[in-house]
Amino acid sequence: LLRVQEQLALAEKELEKKFQQTAAYR
C-alpha cells in the first residue's frame, strides 16, 4: 500500500505539472 501510494503521489505531481503548462490552466 505504501508503494502504491508513493506511485500515486508521483503521478499526481506529474499530472499537475503538465496541467499547469497548458493554456487552459493559465
PDB file of all heavy atoms in Angstrom:
ATOM      1  N   LEU A   1       0.837  -1.206   0.000  1.00  0.00           N
ATOM      2  CA  LEU A   1       0.000   0.000   0.000  1.00  0.00           C
ATOM      3  C   LEU A   1       0.870   1.254   0.000  1.00  0.00           C
ATOM      4  O   LEU A   1       0.584   2.228  -0.722  1.00  0.00           O
ATOM      5  CB  LEU A   1      -0.904  -0.005   1.241  1.00  0.00           C
ATOM      6  CG  LEU A   1      -1.820   1.205   1.417  1.00  0.00           C
ATOM      7  CD1 LEU A   1      -2.774   1.322   0.227  1.00  0.00           C
ATOM      8  CD2 LEU A   1      -2.595   1.115   2.724  1.00  0.00           C
ATOM      9  N   LEU A   2       1.914   1.252   0.778  1.00  0.00           N
ATOM     10  CA  LEU A   2       2.802   2.411   0.804  1.00  0.00           C
ATOM     11  C   LEU A   2       3.457   2.631  -0.564  1.00  0.00           C
ATOM     12  O   LEU A   2       3.610   3.777  -1.025  1.00  0.00           O
ATOM     13  CB  LEU A   2       3.882   2.214   1.875  1.00  0.00           C
ATOM     14  CG  LEU A   2       3.380   2.245   3.329  1.00  0.00           C
ATOM     15  CD1 LEU A   2       4.537   1.882   4.279  1.00  0.00           C
ATOM     16  CD2 LEU A   2       2.835   3.632   3.660  1.00  0.00           C
ATOM     17  N   ARG A   3       3.824   1.523  -1.181  1.00  0.00           N
ATOM     18  CA  ARG A   3       4.452   1.651  -2.507  1.00  0.00           C
ATOM     19  C   ARG A   3       3.474   2.222  -3.523  1.00  0.00           C
ATOM     20  O   ARG A   3       3.815   3.116  -4.316  1.00  0.00           O
ATOM     21  CB  ARG A   3       4.953   0.267  -2.975  1.00  0.00           C
ATOM     22  CG  ARG A   3       5.770   0.310  -4.277  1.00  0.00           C
ATOM     23  CD  ARG A   3       6.211  -1.092  -4.646  1.00  0.00           C
ATOM     24  NE  ARG A   3       5.069  -1.951  -4.901  1.00  0.00           N
ATOM     25  CZ  ARG A   3       4.384  -1.929  -6.063  1.00  0.00           C
ATOM     26  NH1 ARG A   3       4.741  -1.118  -7.054  1.00  0.00           N
ATOM     27  NH2 ARG A   3       3.366  -2.728  -6.240  1.00  0.00           N
ATOM     28  N   VAL A   4       2.220   1.749  -3.490  1.00  0.00           N
ATOM     29  CA  VAL A   4       1.216   2.245  -4.437  1.00  0.00           C
ATOM     30  C   VAL A   4       0.912   3.709  -4.161  1.00  0.00           C
ATOM     31  O   VAL A   4       0.754   4.503  -5.089  1.00  0.00           O
ATOM     32  CB  VAL A   4      -0.068   1.380  -4.328  1.00  0.00           C
ATOM     33  CG1 VAL A   4      -1.201   1.985  -5.136  1.00  0.00           C
ATOM     34  CG2 VAL A   4       0.208  -0.040  -4.813  1.00  0.00           C
ATOM     35  N   GLN A   5       0.812   4.096  -2.864  1.00  0.00           N
ATOM     36  CA  GLN A   5       0.539   5.499  -2.526  1.00  0.00           C
ATOM     37  C   GLN A   5       1.662   6.402  -3.020  1.00  0.00           C
ATOM     38  O   GLN A   5       1.428   7.526  -3.503  1.00  0.00           O
ATOM     39  CB  GLN A   5       0.371   5.640  -1.007  1.00  0.00           C
ATOM     40  CG  GLN A   5      -0.929   5.055  -0.479  1.00  0.00           C
ATOM     41  CD  GLN A   5      -1.030   5.163   1.044  1.00  0.00           C
ATOM     42  OE1 GLN A   5      -0.032   5.502   1.688  1.00  0.00           O
ATOM     43  NE2 GLN A   5      -2.211   4.868   1.568  1.00  0.00           N
ATOM     44  N   GLU A   6       2.880   5.910  -2.915  1.00  0.00           N
ATOM     45  CA  GLU A   6       4.020   6.711  -3.395  1.00  0.00           C
ATOM     46  C   GLU A   6       3.953   6.905  -4.906  1.00  0.00           C
ATOM     47  O   GLU A   6       4.183   8.006  -5.417  1.00  0.00           O
ATOM     48  CB  GLU A   6       5.327   6.019  -2.993  1.00  0.00           C
ATOM     49  CG  GLU A   6       6.560   6.834  -3.327  1.00  0.00           C
ATOM     50  CD  GLU A   6       7.830   6.130  -2.873  1.00  0.00           C
ATOM     51  OE1 GLU A   6       7.717   5.034  -2.246  1.00  0.00           O
ATOM     52  OE2 GLU A   6       8.928   6.665  -3.111  1.00  0.00           O
ATOM     53  N   GLN A   7       3.587   5.849  -5.623  1.00  0.00           N
ATOM     54  CA  GLN A   7       3.456   5.950  -7.074  1.00  0.00           C
ATOM     55  C   GLN A   7       2.341   6.914  -7.460  1.00  0.00           C
ATOM     56  O   GLN A   7       2.475   7.700  -8.393  1.00  0.00           O
ATOM     57  CB  GLN A   7       3.186   4.560  -7.661  1.00  0.00           C
ATOM     58  CG  GLN A   7       4.388   3.622  -7.564  1.00  0.00           C
ATOM     59  CD  GLN A   7       4.091   2.233  -8.114  1.00  0.00           C
ATOM     60  OE1 GLN A   7       2.958   1.970  -8.528  1.00  0.00           O
ATOM     61  NE2 GLN A   7       5.101   1.357  -8.125  1.00  0.00           N
ATOM     62  N   LEU A   8       1.211   6.866  -6.712  1.00  0.00           N
ATOM     63  CA  LEU A   8       0.095   7.769  -6.993  1.00  0.00           C
ATOM     64  C   LEU A   8       0.507   9.224  -6.764  1.00  0.00           C
ATOM     65  O   LEU A   8       0.124  10.127  -7.533  1.00  0.00           O
ATOM     66  CB  LEU A   8      -1.108   7.415  -6.106  1.00  0.00           C
ATOM     67  CG  LEU A   8      -1.854   6.135  -6.496  1.00  0.00           C
ATOM     68  CD1 LEU A   8      -2.925   5.815  -5.453  1.00  0.00           C
ATOM     69  CD2 LEU A   8      -2.485   6.279  -7.875  1.00  0.00           C
ATOM     70  N   ALA A   9       1.265   9.464  -5.715  1.00  0.00           N
ATOM     71  CA  ALA A   9       1.697  10.820  -5.436  1.00  0.00           C
ATOM     72  C   ALA A   9       2.584  11.358  -6.567  1.00  0.00           C
ATOM     73  O   ALA A   9       2.433  12.514  -7.001  1.00  0.00           O
ATOM     74  CB  ALA A   9       2.440  10.860  -4.099  1.00  0.00           C
ATOM     75  N   LEU A  10       3.511  10.511  -7.038  1.00  0.00           N
ATOM     76  CA  LEU A  10       4.364  10.937  -8.148  1.00  0.00           C
ATOM     77  C   LEU A  10       3.548  11.203  -9.394  1.00  0.00           C
ATOM     78  O   LEU A  10       3.785  12.187 -10.115  1.00  0.00           O
ATOM     79  CB  LEU A  10       5.417   9.850  -8.413  1.00  0.00           C
ATOM     80  CG  LEU A  10       6.459   9.652  -7.299  1.00  0.00           C
ATOM     81  CD1 LEU A  10       7.372   8.461  -7.619  1.00  0.00           C
ATOM     82  CD2 LEU A  10       7.311  10.909  -7.133  1.00  0.00           C
ATOM     83  N   ALA A  11       2.550  10.339  -9.619  1.00  0.00           N
ATOM     84  CA  ALA A  11       1.722  10.513 -10.819  1.00  0.00           C
ATOM     85  C   ALA A  11       0.913  11.799 -10.715  1.00  0.00           C
ATOM     86  O   ALA A  11       0.764  12.535 -11.710  1.00  0.00           O
ATOM     87  CB  ALA A  11       0.781   9.311 -10.980  1.00  0.00           C
ATOM     88  N   GLU A  12       0.398  12.145  -9.547  1.00  0.00           N
ATOM     89  CA  GLU A  12      -0.371  13.378  -9.388  1.00  0.00           C
ATOM     90  C   GLU A  12       0.510  14.596  -9.605  1.00  0.00           C
ATOM     91  O   GLU A  12       0.089  15.591 -10.202  1.00  0.00           O
ATOM     92  CB  GLU A  12      -0.980  13.417  -7.972  1.00  0.00           C
ATOM     93  CG  GLU A  12      -2.135  12.440  -7.796  1.00  0.00           C
ATOM     94  CD  GLU A  12      -2.668  12.463  -6.370  1.00  0.00           C
ATOM     95  OE1 GLU A  12      -2.070  13.174  -5.527  1.00  0.00           O
ATOM     96  OE2 GLU A  12      -3.679  11.775  -6.088  1.00  0.00           O
ATOM     97  N   LYS A  13       1.731  14.534  -9.100  1.00  0.00           N
ATOM     98  CA  LYS A  13       2.646  15.659  -9.316  1.00  0.00           C
ATOM     99  C   LYS A  13       2.949  15.856 -10.797  1.00  0.00           C
ATOM    100  O   LYS A  13       2.994  16.991 -11.284  1.00  0.00           O
ATOM    101  CB  LYS A  13       3.946  15.428  -8.541  1.00  0.00           C
ATOM    102  CG  LYS A  13       3.782  15.563  -7.042  1.00  0.00           C
ATOM    103  CD  LYS A  13       5.107  15.328  -6.337  1.00  0.00           C
ATOM    104  CE  LYS A  13       4.956  15.464  -4.831  1.00  0.00           C
ATOM    105  NZ  LYS A  13       6.238  15.250  -4.112  1.00  0.00           N
ATOM    106  N   GLU A  14       3.131  14.742 -11.506  1.00  0.00           N
ATOM    107  CA  GLU A  14       3.401  14.825 -12.946  1.00  0.00           C
ATOM    108  C   GLU A  14       2.217  15.424 -13.675  1.00  0.00           C
ATOM    109  O   GLU A  14       2.372  16.297 -14.555  1.00  0.00           O
ATOM    110  CB  GLU A  14       3.724  13.440 -13.501  1.00  0.00           C
ATOM    111  CG  GLU A  14       5.062  12.878 -13.059  1.00  0.00           C
ATOM    112  CD  GLU A  14       6.224  13.664 -13.667  1.00  0.00           C
ATOM    113  OE1 GLU A  14       6.033  14.257 -14.752  1.00  0.00           O
ATOM    114  OE2 GLU A  14       7.294  13.717 -13.033  1.00  0.00           O
ATOM    115  N   LEU A  15       1.004  14.974 -13.301  1.00  0.00           N
ATOM    116  CA  LEU A  15      -0.190  15.496 -13.963  1.00  0.00           C
ATOM    117  C   LEU A  15      -0.388  16.973 -13.664  1.00  0.00           C
ATOM    118  O   LEU A  15      -0.767  17.754 -14.547  1.00  0.00           O
ATOM    119  CB  LEU A  15      -1.427  14.723 -13.475  1.00  0.00           C
ATOM    120  CG  LEU A  15      -1.569  13.290 -14.011  1.00  0.00           C
ATOM    121  CD1 LEU A  15      -2.742  12.591 -13.330  1.00  0.00           C
ATOM    122  CD2 LEU A  15      -1.746  13.288 -15.522  1.00  0.00           C
ATOM    123  N   GLU A  16      -0.128  17.388 -12.448  1.00  0.00           N
ATOM    124  CA  GLU A  16      -0.303  18.796 -12.082  1.00  0.00           C
ATOM    125  C   GLU A  16       0.714  19.665 -12.826  1.00  0.00           C
ATOM    126  O   GLU A  16       0.391  20.755 -13.312  1.00  0.00           O
ATOM    127  CB  GLU A  16      -0.110  18.965 -10.564  1.00  0.00           C
ATOM    128  CG  GLU A  16      -0.390  20.377 -10.094  1.00  0.00           C
ATOM    129  CD  GLU A  16      -0.234  20.496  -8.593  1.00  0.00           C
ATOM    130  OE1 GLU A  16       0.077  19.468  -7.940  1.00  0.00           O
ATOM    131  OE2 GLU A  16      -0.446  21.593  -8.055  1.00  0.00           O
ATOM    132  N   LYS A  17       1.917  19.157 -12.955  1.00  0.00           N
ATOM    133  CA  LYS A  17       2.942  19.901 -13.671  1.00  0.00           C
ATOM    134  C   LYS A  17       2.562  20.075 -15.130  1.00  0.00           C
ATOM    135  O   LYS A  17       2.682  21.158 -15.712  1.00  0.00           O
ATOM    136  CB  LYS A  17       4.286  19.186 -13.525  1.00  0.00           C
ATOM    137  CG  LYS A  17       5.444  19.941 -14.131  1.00  0.00           C
ATOM    138  CD  LYS A  17       6.747  19.187 -13.876  1.00  0.00           C
ATOM    139  CE  LYS A  17       7.939  19.928 -14.491  1.00  0.00           C
ATOM    140  NZ  LYS A  17       9.235  19.209 -14.287  1.00  0.00           N
ATOM    141  N   LYS A  18       2.066  18.987 -15.754  1.00  0.00           N
ATOM    142  CA  LYS A  18       1.656  19.037 -17.157  1.00  0.00           C
ATOM    143  C   LYS A  18       0.454  19.953 -17.328  1.00  0.00           C
ATOM    144  O   LYS A  18       0.346  20.693 -18.296  1.00  0.00           O
ATOM    145  CB  LYS A  18       1.326  17.643 -17.657  1.00  0.00           C
ATOM    146  CG  LYS A  18       2.558  16.751 -17.772  1.00  0.00           C
ATOM    147  CD  LYS A  18       2.165  15.367 -18.274  1.00  0.00           C
ATOM    148  CE  LYS A  18       3.412  14.447 -18.391  1.00  0.00           C
ATOM    149  NZ  LYS A  18       3.045  13.113 -18.864  1.00  0.00           N
ATOM    150  N   PHE A  19      -0.473  19.931 -16.375  1.00  0.00           N
ATOM    151  CA  PHE A  19      -1.691  20.724 -16.488  1.00  0.00           C
ATOM    152  C   PHE A  19      -1.365  22.220 -16.358  1.00  0.00           C
ATOM    153  O   PHE A  19      -1.970  23.057 -17.035  1.00  0.00           O
ATOM    154  CB  PHE A  19      -2.686  20.297 -15.387  1.00  0.00           C
ATOM    155  CG  PHE A  19      -3.969  21.056 -15.447  1.00  0.00           C
ATOM    156  CD1 PHE A  19      -4.900  20.839 -16.467  1.00  0.00           C
ATOM    157  CD2 PHE A  19      -4.251  22.035 -14.494  1.00  0.00           C
ATOM    158  CE1 PHE A  19      -6.055  21.549 -16.503  1.00  0.00           C
ATOM    159  CE2 PHE A  19      -5.410  22.743 -14.551  1.00  0.00           C
ATOM    160  CZ  PHE A  19      -6.331  22.507 -15.547  1.00  0.00           C
ATOM    161  N   GLN A  20      -0.419  22.546 -15.504  1.00  0.00           N
ATOM    162  CA  GLN A  20      -0.052  23.958 -15.340  1.00  0.00           C
ATOM    163  C   GLN A  20       0.597  24.529 -16.599  1.00  0.00           C
ATOM    164  O   GLN A  20       0.583  25.732 -16.808  1.00  0.00           O
ATOM    165  CB  GLN A  20       0.890  24.111 -14.140  1.00  0.00           C
ATOM    166  CG  GLN A  20       0.210  23.879 -12.809  1.00  0.00           C
ATOM    167  CD  GLN A  20       1.171  23.966 -11.645  1.00  0.00           C
ATOM    168  OE1 GLN A  20       2.409  24.164 -11.880  1.00  0.00           O
ATOM    169  NE2 GLN A  20       0.658  23.811 -10.434  1.00  0.00           N
ATOM    170  N   GLN A  21       1.181  23.707 -17.381  1.00  0.00           N
ATOM    171  CA  GLN A  21       1.844  24.169 -18.602  1.00  0.00           C
ATOM    172  C   GLN A  21       0.865  24.363 -19.754  1.00  0.00           C
ATOM    173  O   GLN A  21       1.221  24.923 -20.784  1.00  0.00           O
ATOM    174  CB  GLN A  21       2.937  23.166 -19.018  1.00  0.00           C
ATOM    175  CG  GLN A  21       4.075  23.135 -18.019  1.00  0.00           C
ATOM    176  CD  GLN A  21       5.113  22.080 -18.367  1.00  0.00           C
ATOM    177  OE1 GLN A  21       4.935  21.328 -19.362  1.00  0.00           O
ATOM    178  NE2 GLN A  21       6.197  22.017 -17.580  1.00  0.00           N
ATOM    179  N   THR A  22      -0.381  24.006 -19.600  1.00  0.00           N
ATOM    180  CA  THR A  22      -1.368  24.113 -20.685  1.00  0.00           C
ATOM    181  C   THR A  22      -1.997  25.494 -20.651  1.00  0.00           C
ATOM    182  O   THR A  22      -2.002  26.197 -19.629  1.00  0.00           O
ATOM    183  CB  THR A  22      -2.464  23.052 -20.524  1.00  0.00           C
ATOM    184  OG1 THR A  22      -3.110  23.241 -19.274  1.00  0.00           O
ATOM    185  CG2 THR A  22      -1.872  21.648 -20.601  1.00  0.00           C
ATOM    186  N   ALA A  23      -2.577  25.964 -21.867  1.00  0.00           N
ATOM    187  CA  ALA A  23      -3.226  27.268 -21.993  1.00  0.00           C
ATOM    188  C   ALA A  23      -4.505  27.321 -21.178  1.00  0.00           C
ATOM    189  O   ALA A  23      -4.869  28.356 -20.627  1.00  0.00           O
ATOM    190  CB  ALA A  23      -3.532  27.556 -23.474  1.00  0.00           C
ATOM    191  N   ALA A  24      -5.203  26.231 -21.092  1.00  0.00           N
ATOM    192  CA  ALA A  24      -6.469  26.205 -20.331  1.00  0.00           C
ATOM    193  C   ALA A  24      -6.216  26.502 -18.864  1.00  0.00           C
ATOM    194  O   ALA A  24      -6.983  27.227 -18.217  1.00  0.00           O
ATOM    195  CB  ALA A  24      -7.147  24.845 -20.480  1.00  0.00           C
ATOM    196  N   TYR A  25      -5.168  26.019 -18.320  1.00  0.00           N
ATOM    197  CA  TYR A  25      -4.849  26.255 -16.905  1.00  0.00           C
ATOM    198  C   TYR A  25      -4.561  27.734 -16.688  1.00  0.00           C
ATOM    199  O   TYR A  25      -5.029  28.335 -15.704  1.00  0.00           O
ATOM    200  CB  TYR A  25      -3.658  25.390 -16.496  1.00  0.00           C
ATOM    201  CG  TYR A  25      -3.174  25.669 -15.088  1.00  0.00           C
ATOM    202  CD1 TYR A  25      -3.896  25.176 -13.997  1.00  0.00           C
ATOM    203  CD2 TYR A  25      -2.031  26.439 -14.884  1.00  0.00           C
ATOM    204  CE1 TYR A  25      -3.449  25.463 -12.722  1.00  0.00           C
ATOM    205  CE2 TYR A  25      -1.602  26.719 -13.601  1.00  0.00           C
ATOM    206  CZ  TYR A  25      -2.312  26.214 -12.507  1.00  0.00           C
ATOM    207  OH  TYR A  25      -1.897  26.483 -11.221  1.00  0.00           O
ATOM    208  N   ARG A  26      -3.785  28.354 -17.657  1.00  0.00           N
ATOM    209  CA  ARG A  26      -3.451  29.755 -17.487  1.00  0.00           C
ATOM    210  C   ARG A  26      -4.707  30.614 -17.562  1.00  0.00           C
ATOM    211  O   ARG A  26      -4.879  31.546 -16.777  1.00  0.00           O
ATOM    212  CB  ARG A  26      -2.430  30.174 -18.558  1.00  0.00           C
ATOM    213  CG  ARG A  26      -1.025  29.576 -18.289  1.00  0.00           C
ATOM    214  CD  ARG A  26       0.020  30.246 -19.170  1.00  0.00           C
ATOM    215  NE  ARG A  26      -0.241  30.051 -20.587  1.00  0.00           N
ATOM    216  CZ  ARG A  26       0.213  29.028 -21.285  1.00  0.00           C
ATOM    217  NH1 ARG A  26       0.956  28.097 -20.730  1.00  0.00           N
ATOM    218  NH2 ARG A  26      -0.095  28.920 -22.568  1.00  0.00           N
TER     219      ARG A  26
END
